[in-house]
């Protein structure tokens, strides 16, 4: 049965999903991991700063935490340390958000192309998509190694659209953070944002095409 979807998203030719905070409601564990990582290195970062930086590349976090330019090799090692800590913390809580399975299944049935574009490393992508058993839904998965400039630059979404073979204006992005909204807009794509990470009022200020609290809100009914 096809779903009747709100906001015209059933007219899109491709859906591109951010991963952290969108495909999974994992923001709280990334925050905890960043704070614990900072403490292990003799630093402190408030929760609000981590939230403000959501969607930015890990090199940005490292500059802010250590208050210096961190060389690439050092940054890669430090990022791997933080991400391993995150996976350890989040593993017992990994689950699909309500309504996401239905949305993905309906999209596949209607021939909509599906992609993931994330600033996360491949180990995190594998941890999520295989842990949730959703890899088969996606035609394209772009991790942080697949493009140069992180959000709010549009590179990740434009790279995904090209790989999917769909024009940017025919794509809808699903996001959770301000940097992601700006990246989607810069790519010329519509964006639906979910309130897993930030308050509705904060997200509304960046003029997404729609805001939902759950993927279940996207379905008007089933026919």
N, C-alpha and C. Protein backbone atom coordinates (compact mmCIF):
# COMPACT_ATOMS: atom_id res chain seq x y z
N UNK A 1 0.84 -1.19 0.00
CA UNK A 1 0.00 0.00 0.00
C UNK A 1 0.88 1.25 0.00
N UNK A 2 0.56 2.20 -0.85
CA UNK A 2 1.32 3.44 -0.92
C UNK A 2 0.90 4.39 0.18
N UNK A 3 1.85 5.11 0.68
CA UNK A 3 1.56 6.11 1.71
C UNK A 3 1.24 7.44 1.06
N UNK A 4 0.26 8.14 1.60
CA UNK A 4 0.05 9.54 1.23
C UNK A 4 0.89 10.37 2.19
N UNK A 5 1.78 11.16 1.61
CA UNK A 5 2.76 11.86 2.43
C UNK A 5 2.53 13.37 2.41
N UNK A 6 2.81 13.99 3.54
CA UNK A 6 2.69 15.44 3.66
C UNK A 6 3.86 16.16 2.99
N UNK A 7 3.68 17.45 2.81
CA UNK A 7 4.73 18.37 2.36
C UNK A 7 5.22 18.07 0.94
N UNK A 8 4.47 17.27 0.18
CA UNK A 8 4.85 16.99 -1.19
C UNK A 8 6.08 16.11 -1.34
N UNK A 9 6.51 15.44 -0.28
CA UNK A 9 7.74 14.65 -0.37
C UNK A 9 7.56 13.42 -1.25
N UNK A 10 6.31 13.02 -1.51
CA UNK A 10 6.10 11.88 -2.39
C UNK A 10 6.33 12.24 -3.85
N UNK A 11 6.56 13.52 -4.14
CA UNK A 11 6.85 13.93 -5.51
C UNK A 11 8.35 13.99 -5.80
N UNK A 12 9.16 13.81 -4.78
CA UNK A 12 10.61 13.84 -4.96
C UNK A 12 11.10 12.56 -5.64
N UNK A 13 12.21 12.68 -6.36
CA UNK A 13 12.81 11.52 -7.01
C UNK A 13 13.88 10.85 -6.14
N UNK A 14 14.34 11.58 -5.13
CA UNK A 14 15.36 11.02 -4.24
C UNK A 14 15.21 11.60 -2.84
N UNK A 15 15.45 10.77 -1.85
CA UNK A 15 15.55 11.21 -0.47
C UNK A 15 17.00 11.01 -0.04
N UNK A 16 17.58 12.04 0.55
CA UNK A 16 18.94 11.95 1.08
C UNK A 16 18.89 12.21 2.58
N UNK A 17 19.36 11.25 3.34
CA UNK A 17 19.30 11.34 4.79
C UNK A 17 20.65 11.68 5.39
N UNK A 18 20.67 12.68 6.24
CA UNK A 18 21.76 12.81 7.21
C UNK A 18 21.69 11.57 8.10
N UNK A 19 22.76 11.24 8.78
CA UNK A 19 22.73 10.04 9.62
C UNK A 19 22.53 10.37 11.09
N UNK A 20 23.54 10.96 11.72
CA UNK A 20 23.47 11.20 13.17
C UNK A 20 22.39 12.22 13.49
N UNK A 21 21.49 11.84 14.38
CA UNK A 21 20.40 12.73 14.77
C UNK A 21 19.22 12.70 13.82
N UNK A 22 19.32 11.90 12.76
CA UNK A 22 18.24 11.83 11.77
C UNK A 22 17.81 10.38 11.56
N UNK A 23 18.70 9.55 11.03
CA UNK A 23 18.39 8.13 10.92
C UNK A 23 18.32 7.47 12.29
N UNK A 24 19.00 8.05 13.24
CA UNK A 24 18.96 7.57 14.63
C UNK A 24 18.95 8.78 15.57
N UNK A 25 18.27 8.63 16.67
CA UNK A 25 18.18 9.68 17.67
C UNK A 25 19.34 9.51 18.66
N UNK A 26 20.54 9.84 18.19
CA UNK A 26 21.75 9.52 18.96
C UNK A 26 22.52 10.74 19.44
N UNK A 27 21.94 11.91 19.30
CA UNK A 27 22.65 13.15 19.63
C UNK A 27 23.19 13.14 21.06
N UNK A 28 22.38 12.68 21.99
CA UNK A 28 22.79 12.71 23.40
C UNK A 28 24.07 11.93 23.63
N UNK A 29 24.25 10.83 22.88
CA UNK A 29 25.45 10.01 23.08
C UNK A 29 26.66 10.61 22.40
N UNK A 30 26.45 11.33 21.30
CA UNK A 30 27.58 12.07 20.72
C UNK A 30 28.02 13.18 21.66
N UNK A 31 27.07 13.85 22.29
CA UNK A 31 27.41 14.90 23.25
C UNK A 31 28.22 14.31 24.40
N UNK A 32 27.73 13.20 24.97
CA UNK A 32 28.45 12.56 26.08
C UNK A 32 29.85 12.13 25.65
N UNK A 33 29.96 11.60 24.43
CA UNK A 33 31.26 11.13 23.95
C UNK A 33 32.23 12.30 23.77
N UNK A 34 31.75 13.42 23.20
CA UNK A 34 32.62 14.58 23.03
C UNK A 34 33.06 15.13 24.39
N UNK A 35 32.15 15.18 25.34
CA UNK A 35 32.50 15.71 26.66
C UNK A 35 33.50 14.79 27.38
N UNK A 36 33.29 13.48 27.29
CA UNK A 36 34.22 12.55 27.92
C UNK A 36 35.57 12.58 27.21
N UNK A 37 35.56 12.66 25.88
CA UNK A 37 36.80 12.78 25.12
C UNK A 37 37.58 14.01 25.57
N UNK A 38 36.89 15.15 25.68
CA UNK A 38 37.56 16.38 26.10
C UNK A 38 38.16 16.24 27.49
N UNK A 39 37.40 15.63 28.42
CA UNK A 39 37.91 15.46 29.79
C UNK A 39 39.17 14.60 29.80
N UNK A 40 39.19 13.56 28.98
CA UNK A 40 40.36 12.69 28.93
C UNK A 40 41.61 13.43 28.45
N UNK A 41 41.38 14.53 27.76
CA UNK A 41 42.50 15.34 27.26
C UNK A 41 42.64 16.65 28.05
N UNK A 42 42.07 16.68 29.25
CA UNK A 42 42.24 17.82 30.13
C UNK A 42 41.47 19.05 29.72
N UNK A 43 40.40 18.87 28.97
CA UNK A 43 39.58 19.98 28.50
C UNK A 43 38.14 19.80 28.96
N UNK A 44 37.36 20.87 28.86
CA UNK A 44 35.93 20.83 29.17
C UNK A 44 35.18 21.54 28.05
N UNK A 45 34.08 20.96 27.61
CA UNK A 45 33.22 21.63 26.63
C UNK A 45 31.77 21.53 27.09
N UNK A 46 31.07 22.65 27.14
CA UNK A 46 29.66 22.63 27.54
C UNK A 46 28.79 21.91 26.50
N UNK A 47 27.71 21.35 26.95
CA UNK A 47 26.77 20.66 26.07
C UNK A 47 26.28 21.59 24.95
N UNK A 48 26.01 22.85 25.29
CA UNK A 48 25.46 23.77 24.29
C UNK A 48 26.43 23.99 23.14
N UNK A 49 27.74 23.96 23.41
CA UNK A 49 28.72 24.13 22.35
C UNK A 49 28.70 22.93 21.41
N UNK A 50 28.64 21.73 21.98
CA UNK A 50 28.59 20.53 21.14
C UNK A 50 27.37 20.58 20.23
N UNK A 51 26.24 21.00 20.77
CA UNK A 51 25.01 21.09 19.97
C UNK A 51 25.14 22.13 18.87
N UNK A 52 25.75 23.25 19.18
CA UNK A 52 25.94 24.30 18.18
C UNK A 52 26.82 23.83 17.03
N UNK A 53 27.76 22.94 17.31
CA UNK A 53 28.70 22.49 16.30
C UNK A 53 28.19 21.28 15.51
N UNK A 54 27.04 20.73 15.88
CA UNK A 54 26.53 19.52 15.23
C UNK A 54 26.50 19.67 13.71
N UNK A 55 27.00 18.66 13.02
CA UNK A 55 27.04 18.67 11.57
C UNK A 55 28.37 19.15 11.02
N UNK A 56 29.16 19.83 11.84
CA UNK A 56 30.49 20.29 11.40
C UNK A 56 31.46 19.11 11.39
N UNK A 57 32.52 19.17 10.57
CA UNK A 57 33.51 18.08 10.54
C UNK A 57 34.26 17.99 11.86
N UNK A 58 34.82 16.82 12.13
CA UNK A 58 35.52 16.61 13.40
C UNK A 58 36.71 17.54 13.55
N UNK A 59 37.32 17.97 12.44
CA UNK A 59 38.45 18.89 12.53
C UNK A 59 38.04 20.21 13.17
N UNK A 60 36.78 20.61 12.95
CA UNK A 60 36.27 21.83 13.57
C UNK A 60 36.20 21.66 15.08
N UNK A 61 35.65 20.51 15.52
CA UNK A 61 35.59 20.22 16.96
C UNK A 61 36.99 20.25 17.57
N UNK A 62 37.94 19.63 16.89
CA UNK A 62 39.29 19.55 17.45
C UNK A 62 39.91 20.94 17.61
N UNK A 63 39.70 21.81 16.61
CA UNK A 63 40.22 23.17 16.74
C UNK A 63 39.62 23.88 17.93
N UNK A 64 38.32 23.69 18.14
CA UNK A 64 37.66 24.37 19.24
C UNK A 64 38.05 23.78 20.60
N UNK A 65 38.18 22.48 20.67
CA UNK A 65 38.53 21.83 21.94
C UNK A 65 39.97 22.15 22.35
N UNK A 66 40.90 22.05 21.40
CA UNK A 66 42.31 22.22 21.72
C UNK A 66 42.81 23.64 21.48
N UNK A 67 41.94 24.48 20.90
CA UNK A 67 42.25 25.89 20.68
C UNK A 67 43.54 26.08 19.88
N UNK A 68 43.69 25.25 18.86
CA UNK A 68 44.83 25.33 17.95
C UNK A 68 44.48 24.57 16.68
N UNK A 69 45.25 24.76 15.66
CA UNK A 69 45.09 23.98 14.43
C UNK A 69 45.68 22.60 14.66
N UNK A 70 44.89 21.56 14.48
CA UNK A 70 45.34 20.19 14.74
C UNK A 70 45.75 19.55 13.41
N UNK A 71 47.01 19.12 13.28
CA UNK A 71 47.47 18.50 12.03
C UNK A 71 46.59 17.31 11.64
N UNK A 72 46.51 17.05 10.35
CA UNK A 72 45.59 16.04 9.84
C UNK A 72 45.78 14.67 10.47
N UNK A 73 47.00 14.19 10.57
CA UNK A 73 47.25 12.85 11.12
C UNK A 73 46.83 12.77 12.58
N UNK A 74 47.13 13.84 13.33
CA UNK A 74 46.74 13.89 14.74
C UNK A 74 45.22 13.95 14.86
N UNK A 75 44.60 14.75 14.00
CA UNK A 75 43.14 14.89 14.01
C UNK A 75 42.47 13.55 13.72
N UNK A 76 43.00 12.80 12.77
CA UNK A 76 42.41 11.51 12.43
C UNK A 76 42.48 10.54 13.62
N UNK A 77 43.62 10.54 14.32
CA UNK A 77 43.77 9.64 15.48
C UNK A 77 42.84 10.05 16.61
N UNK A 78 42.75 11.35 16.87
CA UNK A 78 41.87 11.85 17.93
C UNK A 78 40.40 11.59 17.59
N UNK A 79 40.04 11.78 16.32
CA UNK A 79 38.66 11.54 15.90
C UNK A 79 38.30 10.06 16.05
N UNK A 80 39.23 9.17 15.69
CA UNK A 80 38.98 7.74 15.84
C UNK A 80 38.76 7.38 17.31
N UNK A 81 39.51 8.02 18.19
CA UNK A 81 39.35 7.80 19.64
C UNK A 81 37.96 8.21 20.10
N UNK A 82 37.54 9.41 19.68
CA UNK A 82 36.21 9.90 20.08
C UNK A 82 35.10 9.02 19.52
N UNK A 83 35.19 8.62 18.25
CA UNK A 83 34.13 7.84 17.63
C UNK A 83 34.02 6.44 18.24
N UNK A 84 35.14 5.86 18.62
CA UNK A 84 35.10 4.56 19.30
C UNK A 84 34.39 4.69 20.64
N UNK A 85 34.64 5.79 21.33
CA UNK A 85 33.96 6.06 22.60
C UNK A 85 32.45 6.21 22.38
N UNK A 86 32.08 6.94 21.33
CA UNK A 86 30.65 7.11 21.00
C UNK A 86 29.99 5.76 20.73
N UNK A 87 30.61 4.91 19.92
CA UNK A 87 29.99 3.62 19.59
C UNK A 87 29.81 2.76 20.83
N UNK A 88 30.78 2.82 21.72
CA UNK A 88 30.68 2.07 22.98
C UNK A 88 29.50 2.56 23.81
N UNK A 89 29.33 3.88 23.89
CA UNK A 89 28.25 4.45 24.70
C UNK A 89 26.87 4.20 24.09
N UNK A 90 26.80 4.29 22.76
CA UNK A 90 25.49 4.25 22.11
C UNK A 90 25.00 2.84 21.77
N UNK A 91 25.89 1.88 21.66
CA UNK A 91 25.51 0.54 21.20
C UNK A 91 24.30 -0.05 21.93
N UNK A 92 24.18 0.07 23.26
CA UNK A 92 23.02 -0.53 23.93
C UNK A 92 21.70 0.16 23.62
N UNK A 93 21.75 1.33 22.98
CA UNK A 93 20.55 2.14 22.76
C UNK A 93 20.16 2.23 21.29
N UNK A 94 20.87 1.54 20.42
CA UNK A 94 20.65 1.64 18.98
C UNK A 94 19.27 1.11 18.60
N UNK A 95 18.46 1.96 17.95
CA UNK A 95 17.13 1.55 17.49
C UNK A 95 16.65 2.50 16.39
N UNK A 96 15.75 1.97 15.54
CA UNK A 96 15.16 2.78 14.49
C UNK A 96 14.12 3.74 15.07
N UNK A 97 14.11 4.99 14.65
CA UNK A 97 13.04 5.90 15.06
C UNK A 97 11.69 5.44 14.52
N UNK A 98 10.64 5.75 15.24
CA UNK A 98 9.29 5.40 14.82
C UNK A 98 8.99 5.98 13.44
N UNK A 99 8.42 5.16 12.58
CA UNK A 99 7.98 5.61 11.26
C UNK A 99 9.03 5.56 10.17
N UNK A 100 10.29 5.39 10.53
CA UNK A 100 11.34 5.42 9.50
C UNK A 100 11.28 4.20 8.59
N UNK A 101 11.06 3.03 9.17
CA UNK A 101 10.98 1.81 8.35
C UNK A 101 9.87 1.93 7.31
N UNK A 102 8.72 2.45 7.69
CA UNK A 102 7.61 2.63 6.75
C UNK A 102 7.98 3.60 5.64
N UNK A 103 8.65 4.71 6.01
CA UNK A 103 9.03 5.70 5.01
C UNK A 103 10.01 5.11 4.00
N UNK A 104 11.00 4.37 4.48
CA UNK A 104 11.99 3.77 3.59
C UNK A 104 11.35 2.71 2.69
N UNK A 105 10.50 1.88 3.27
CA UNK A 105 9.84 0.82 2.49
C UNK A 105 8.95 1.42 1.41
N UNK A 106 8.20 2.46 1.75
CA UNK A 106 7.33 3.11 0.78
C UNK A 106 8.14 3.74 -0.34
N UNK A 107 9.24 4.39 0.02
CA UNK A 107 10.08 5.01 -1.01
C UNK A 107 10.61 3.98 -1.99
N UNK A 108 11.08 2.87 -1.48
CA UNK A 108 11.60 1.82 -2.36
C UNK A 108 10.50 1.29 -3.28
N UNK A 109 9.30 1.12 -2.72
CA UNK A 109 8.19 0.61 -3.52
C UNK A 109 7.81 1.56 -4.64
N UNK A 110 8.00 2.85 -4.42
CA UNK A 110 7.65 3.86 -5.43
C UNK A 110 8.81 4.22 -6.35
N UNK A 111 9.94 3.58 -6.17
CA UNK A 111 11.09 3.84 -7.04
C UNK A 111 11.88 5.08 -6.69
N UNK A 112 11.67 5.61 -5.49
CA UNK A 112 12.45 6.77 -5.05
C UNK A 112 13.87 6.31 -4.72
N UNK A 113 14.86 7.05 -5.21
CA UNK A 113 16.25 6.73 -4.91
C UNK A 113 16.56 7.19 -3.49
N UNK A 114 17.38 6.41 -2.78
CA UNK A 114 17.66 6.69 -1.38
C UNK A 114 19.16 6.77 -1.13
N UNK A 115 19.57 7.79 -0.40
CA UNK A 115 20.98 7.95 -0.08
C UNK A 115 21.19 8.43 1.34
N UNK A 116 22.38 8.21 1.82
CA UNK A 116 22.85 8.76 3.10
C UNK A 116 24.04 9.66 2.79
N UNK A 117 24.06 10.84 3.40
CA UNK A 117 25.22 11.74 3.28
C UNK A 117 25.56 12.23 4.69
N UNK A 118 26.68 11.78 5.19
CA UNK A 118 27.02 12.05 6.58
C UNK A 118 28.45 12.56 6.72
N UNK A 119 28.68 13.29 7.79
CA UNK A 119 30.03 13.71 8.13
C UNK A 119 30.73 12.68 8.99
N UNK A 120 30.04 11.57 9.27
CA UNK A 120 30.62 10.53 10.10
C UNK A 120 31.57 9.63 9.33
N UNK A 121 32.47 8.94 10.02
CA UNK A 121 33.40 8.01 9.38
C UNK A 121 32.72 6.70 9.00
N UNK A 122 33.36 5.93 8.15
CA UNK A 122 32.77 4.68 7.66
C UNK A 122 32.46 3.71 8.80
N UNK A 123 33.29 3.65 9.83
CA UNK A 123 33.00 2.73 10.93
C UNK A 123 31.68 3.08 11.61
N UNK A 124 31.38 4.37 11.74
CA UNK A 124 30.11 4.77 12.33
C UNK A 124 28.94 4.43 11.41
N UNK A 125 29.14 4.63 10.10
CA UNK A 125 28.11 4.28 9.13
C UNK A 125 27.79 2.79 9.21
N UNK A 126 28.82 1.96 9.19
CA UNK A 126 28.61 0.52 9.28
C UNK A 126 27.93 0.13 10.59
N UNK A 127 28.34 0.76 11.66
CA UNK A 127 27.74 0.53 12.98
C UNK A 127 26.25 0.79 12.96
N UNK A 128 25.83 1.89 12.31
CA UNK A 128 24.42 2.25 12.27
C UNK A 128 23.64 1.41 11.27
N UNK A 129 24.05 1.42 10.01
CA UNK A 129 23.22 0.79 8.98
C UNK A 129 23.17 -0.72 9.12
N UNK A 130 24.26 -1.33 9.56
CA UNK A 130 24.24 -2.77 9.77
C UNK A 130 23.60 -3.14 11.10
N UNK A 131 23.82 -2.29 12.11
CA UNK A 131 23.18 -2.54 13.40
C UNK A 131 21.67 -2.47 13.32
N UNK A 132 21.15 -1.62 12.42
CA UNK A 132 19.71 -1.48 12.23
C UNK A 132 19.19 -2.32 11.07
N UNK A 133 20.08 -2.98 10.34
CA UNK A 133 19.73 -3.82 9.19
C UNK A 133 18.94 -3.04 8.14
N UNK A 134 19.48 -1.85 7.77
CA UNK A 134 18.80 -1.02 6.77
C UNK A 134 19.67 -0.75 5.54
N UNK A 135 20.81 -1.39 5.42
CA UNK A 135 21.71 -1.13 4.30
C UNK A 135 21.03 -1.37 2.96
N UNK A 136 20.19 -2.39 2.89
CA UNK A 136 19.57 -2.75 1.60
C UNK A 136 18.64 -1.68 1.06
N UNK A 137 18.19 -0.75 1.89
CA UNK A 137 17.32 0.31 1.41
C UNK A 137 18.07 1.34 0.56
N UNK A 138 19.36 1.51 0.79
CA UNK A 138 20.07 2.67 0.26
C UNK A 138 20.87 2.35 -1.00
N UNK A 139 20.70 3.23 -1.99
CA UNK A 139 21.44 3.10 -3.24
C UNK A 139 22.84 3.68 -3.14
N UNK A 140 23.00 4.68 -2.28
CA UNK A 140 24.27 5.41 -2.16
C UNK A 140 24.50 5.76 -0.70
N UNK A 141 25.72 5.57 -0.23
CA UNK A 141 26.10 6.00 1.11
C UNK A 141 27.40 6.80 1.00
N UNK A 142 27.34 8.08 1.38
CA UNK A 142 28.50 8.97 1.32
C UNK A 142 28.94 9.26 2.75
N UNK A 143 30.16 8.86 3.11
CA UNK A 143 30.68 9.19 4.43
C UNK A 143 31.64 10.36 4.31
N UNK A 144 32.36 10.66 5.39
CA UNK A 144 33.18 11.88 5.42
C UNK A 144 34.34 11.85 4.44
N UNK A 145 34.68 10.67 3.92
CA UNK A 145 35.78 10.59 2.97
C UNK A 145 35.34 10.87 1.53
N UNK A 146 34.03 11.04 1.32
CA UNK A 146 33.51 11.16 -0.04
C UNK A 146 33.43 12.57 -0.58
N UNK A 147 33.84 13.56 0.21
CA UNK A 147 33.78 14.96 -0.22
C UNK A 147 34.79 15.75 0.60
N UNK A 148 34.98 17.02 0.22
CA UNK A 148 36.04 17.81 0.86
C UNK A 148 35.50 18.73 1.94
N UNK A 149 34.54 19.57 1.61
CA UNK A 149 34.06 20.59 2.54
C UNK A 149 32.84 20.06 3.32
N UNK A 150 32.91 20.16 4.64
CA UNK A 150 31.81 19.71 5.47
C UNK A 150 30.68 20.73 5.54
N UNK A 151 29.56 20.32 6.11
CA UNK A 151 28.43 21.22 6.31
C UNK A 151 28.87 22.42 7.16
N UNK A 152 28.40 23.61 6.87
CA UNK A 152 27.22 23.97 6.05
C UNK A 152 27.47 24.07 4.55
N UNK A 153 28.66 23.74 4.07
CA UNK A 153 28.86 23.67 2.62
C UNK A 153 28.02 22.52 2.07
N UNK A 154 27.61 22.60 0.81
CA UNK A 154 26.66 21.63 0.27
C UNK A 154 27.28 20.37 -0.32
N UNK A 155 28.61 20.24 -0.21
CA UNK A 155 29.31 19.19 -0.95
C UNK A 155 28.73 17.79 -0.74
N UNK A 156 28.43 17.44 0.51
CA UNK A 156 27.98 16.07 0.77
C UNK A 156 26.66 15.77 0.04
N UNK A 157 25.75 16.74 0.03
CA UNK A 157 24.46 16.51 -0.61
C UNK A 157 24.56 16.56 -2.13
N UNK A 158 25.39 17.42 -2.66
CA UNK A 158 25.58 17.45 -4.11
C UNK A 158 26.28 16.18 -4.60
N UNK A 159 27.23 15.69 -3.81
CA UNK A 159 27.90 14.43 -4.14
C UNK A 159 26.91 13.28 -4.16
N UNK A 160 26.03 13.25 -3.16
CA UNK A 160 25.02 12.18 -3.09
C UNK A 160 24.06 12.25 -4.26
N UNK A 161 23.61 13.47 -4.61
CA UNK A 161 22.68 13.63 -5.74
C UNK A 161 23.31 13.14 -7.04
N UNK A 162 24.57 13.50 -7.25
CA UNK A 162 25.27 13.05 -8.46
C UNK A 162 25.36 11.53 -8.50
N UNK A 163 25.71 10.93 -7.37
CA UNK A 163 25.82 9.47 -7.31
C UNK A 163 24.47 8.79 -7.52
N UNK A 164 23.40 9.43 -7.09
CA UNK A 164 22.05 8.89 -7.26
C UNK A 164 21.51 9.12 -8.66
N UNK A 165 22.14 10.02 -9.41
CA UNK A 165 21.68 10.34 -10.75
C UNK A 165 20.43 11.18 -10.77
N UNK A 166 20.28 12.05 -9.77
CA UNK A 166 19.08 12.88 -9.62
C UNK A 166 19.50 14.34 -9.50
N UNK A 167 18.75 15.24 -10.13
CA UNK A 167 19.05 16.67 -10.03
C UNK A 167 18.80 17.16 -8.60
N UNK A 168 19.58 18.11 -8.12
CA UNK A 168 19.39 18.61 -6.75
C UNK A 168 17.96 19.06 -6.47
N UNK A 169 17.33 19.72 -7.43
CA UNK A 169 15.97 20.23 -7.19
C UNK A 169 14.93 19.12 -7.07
N UNK A 170 15.31 17.89 -7.44
CA UNK A 170 14.40 16.75 -7.31
C UNK A 170 14.68 15.93 -6.06
N UNK A 171 15.55 16.44 -5.18
CA UNK A 171 15.91 15.74 -3.95
C UNK A 171 15.26 16.39 -2.73
N UNK A 172 14.95 15.58 -1.75
CA UNK A 172 14.57 16.09 -0.43
C UNK A 172 15.56 15.55 0.58
N UNK A 173 16.09 16.45 1.37
CA UNK A 173 17.04 16.10 2.43
C UNK A 173 16.28 15.97 3.75
N UNK A 174 16.67 14.98 4.53
CA UNK A 174 16.15 14.83 5.90
C UNK A 174 17.30 15.14 6.85
N UNK A 175 17.08 16.09 7.74
CA UNK A 175 18.14 16.65 8.58
C UNK A 175 17.67 16.84 10.02
N UNK A 176 18.63 17.20 10.88
CA UNK A 176 18.29 17.49 12.27
C UNK A 176 18.98 18.72 12.81
N UNK A 177 19.92 19.30 12.05
CA UNK A 177 20.77 20.36 12.61
C UNK A 177 20.84 21.57 11.68
N UNK A 178 21.21 22.69 12.25
CA UNK A 178 21.27 23.95 11.51
C UNK A 178 22.29 23.87 10.37
N UNK A 179 23.48 23.33 10.65
CA UNK A 179 24.48 23.21 9.59
C UNK A 179 23.95 22.37 8.43
N UNK A 180 23.17 21.36 8.74
CA UNK A 180 22.60 20.51 7.70
C UNK A 180 21.53 21.21 6.89
N UNK A 181 20.69 22.00 7.55
CA UNK A 181 19.68 22.78 6.85
C UNK A 181 20.35 23.73 5.86
N UNK A 182 21.39 24.40 6.33
CA UNK A 182 22.09 25.34 5.47
C UNK A 182 22.77 24.64 4.30
N UNK A 183 23.31 23.45 4.54
CA UNK A 183 23.94 22.69 3.47
C UNK A 183 22.92 22.27 2.42
N UNK A 184 21.74 21.83 2.86
CA UNK A 184 20.69 21.42 1.94
C UNK A 184 20.21 22.60 1.10
N UNK A 185 20.00 23.74 1.75
CA UNK A 185 19.57 24.93 1.02
C UNK A 185 20.64 25.36 0.01
N UNK A 186 21.90 25.31 0.42
CA UNK A 186 22.98 25.69 -0.48
C UNK A 186 23.08 24.75 -1.69
N UNK A 187 22.63 23.51 -1.49
CA UNK A 187 22.63 22.54 -2.58
C UNK A 187 21.43 22.70 -3.50
N UNK A 188 20.49 23.58 -3.14
CA UNK A 188 19.29 23.77 -3.93
C UNK A 188 18.25 22.70 -3.71
N UNK A 189 18.25 22.10 -2.52
CA UNK A 189 17.34 21.01 -2.19
C UNK A 189 16.34 21.44 -1.13
N UNK A 190 15.17 20.82 -1.13
CA UNK A 190 14.23 21.00 -0.05
C UNK A 190 14.70 20.20 1.15
N UNK A 191 14.30 20.63 2.34
CA UNK A 191 14.76 19.94 3.54
C UNK A 191 13.63 19.80 4.55
N UNK A 192 13.48 18.58 5.02
CA UNK A 192 12.57 18.26 6.12
C UNK A 192 13.43 17.99 7.34
N UNK A 193 13.16 18.67 8.42
CA UNK A 193 14.00 18.56 9.61
C UNK A 193 13.22 17.92 10.75
N UNK A 194 13.90 17.05 11.49
CA UNK A 194 13.30 16.35 12.62
C UNK A 194 13.90 16.88 13.91
N UNK A 195 13.09 16.97 14.96
CA UNK A 195 13.49 17.67 16.18
C UNK A 195 14.19 16.76 17.19
N UNK A 196 15.00 15.82 16.72
CA UNK A 196 15.72 14.95 17.65
C UNK A 196 16.83 15.70 18.38
N UNK A 197 17.43 16.69 17.73
CA UNK A 197 18.64 17.32 18.25
C UNK A 197 18.41 18.71 18.80
N UNK A 198 17.59 19.51 18.13
CA UNK A 198 17.42 20.92 18.49
C UNK A 198 15.96 21.28 18.66
N UNK A 199 15.65 22.31 19.44
CA UNK A 199 14.26 22.74 19.61
C UNK A 199 13.65 23.22 18.30
N UNK A 200 12.36 23.03 18.17
CA UNK A 200 11.62 23.45 16.98
C UNK A 200 11.86 24.93 16.67
N UNK A 201 11.86 25.77 17.69
CA UNK A 201 12.00 27.21 17.47
C UNK A 201 13.36 27.55 16.85
N UNK A 202 14.41 26.86 17.30
CA UNK A 202 15.74 27.09 16.75
C UNK A 202 15.80 26.67 15.29
N UNK A 203 15.22 25.52 14.97
CA UNK A 203 15.22 25.02 13.61
C UNK A 203 14.38 25.90 12.69
N UNK A 204 13.25 26.37 13.20
CA UNK A 204 12.34 27.18 12.40
C UNK A 204 13.02 28.45 11.90
N UNK A 205 13.95 28.97 12.67
CA UNK A 205 14.63 30.22 12.30
C UNK A 205 15.44 30.08 11.01
N UNK A 206 15.73 28.83 10.60
CA UNK A 206 16.51 28.60 9.38
C UNK A 206 15.62 28.20 8.20
N UNK A 207 14.31 28.31 8.38
CA UNK A 207 13.34 28.15 7.28
C UNK A 207 13.43 26.83 6.52
N UNK A 208 13.38 25.71 7.24
CA UNK A 208 13.27 24.43 6.52
C UNK A 208 11.89 24.34 5.86
N UNK A 209 11.74 23.41 4.93
CA UNK A 209 10.46 23.25 4.25
C UNK A 209 9.41 22.60 5.15
N UNK A 210 9.85 21.83 6.12
CA UNK A 210 8.94 21.24 7.09
C UNK A 210 9.72 20.84 8.32
N UNK A 211 9.03 20.83 9.47
CA UNK A 211 9.61 20.37 10.73
C UNK A 211 8.67 19.32 11.32
N UNK A 212 9.24 18.17 11.72
CA UNK A 212 8.44 17.12 12.34
C UNK A 212 9.14 16.65 13.60
N UNK A 213 8.35 16.13 14.52
CA UNK A 213 8.89 15.55 15.74
C UNK A 213 9.14 14.06 15.61
N UNK A 214 8.53 13.45 14.59
CA UNK A 214 8.66 12.02 14.36
C UNK A 214 8.42 11.74 12.88
N UNK A 215 9.04 10.69 12.36
CA UNK A 215 8.77 10.30 10.98
C UNK A 215 7.32 9.87 10.77
N UNK A 216 6.66 9.47 11.84
CA UNK A 216 5.26 9.07 11.71
C UNK A 216 4.38 10.23 11.26
N UNK A 217 4.82 11.46 11.49
CA UNK A 217 4.03 12.65 11.10
C UNK A 217 4.02 12.90 9.61
N UNK A 218 4.88 12.22 8.88
CA UNK A 218 4.97 12.44 7.43
C UNK A 218 3.82 11.78 6.67
N UNK A 219 3.25 10.74 7.24
CA UNK A 219 2.17 10.02 6.57
C UNK A 219 0.81 10.61 6.89
N UNK A 220 0.07 11.00 5.86
CA UNK A 220 -1.30 11.48 6.06
C UNK A 220 -2.22 10.30 6.35
N UNK A 221 -2.08 9.27 5.53
CA UNK A 221 -2.82 8.02 5.73
C UNK A 221 -2.25 7.01 4.75
N UNK A 222 -2.80 5.83 4.74
CA UNK A 222 -2.40 4.81 3.78
C UNK A 222 -3.59 4.46 2.92
N UNK A 223 -3.31 4.16 1.66
CA UNK A 223 -4.41 3.83 0.75
C UNK A 223 -4.17 2.46 0.14
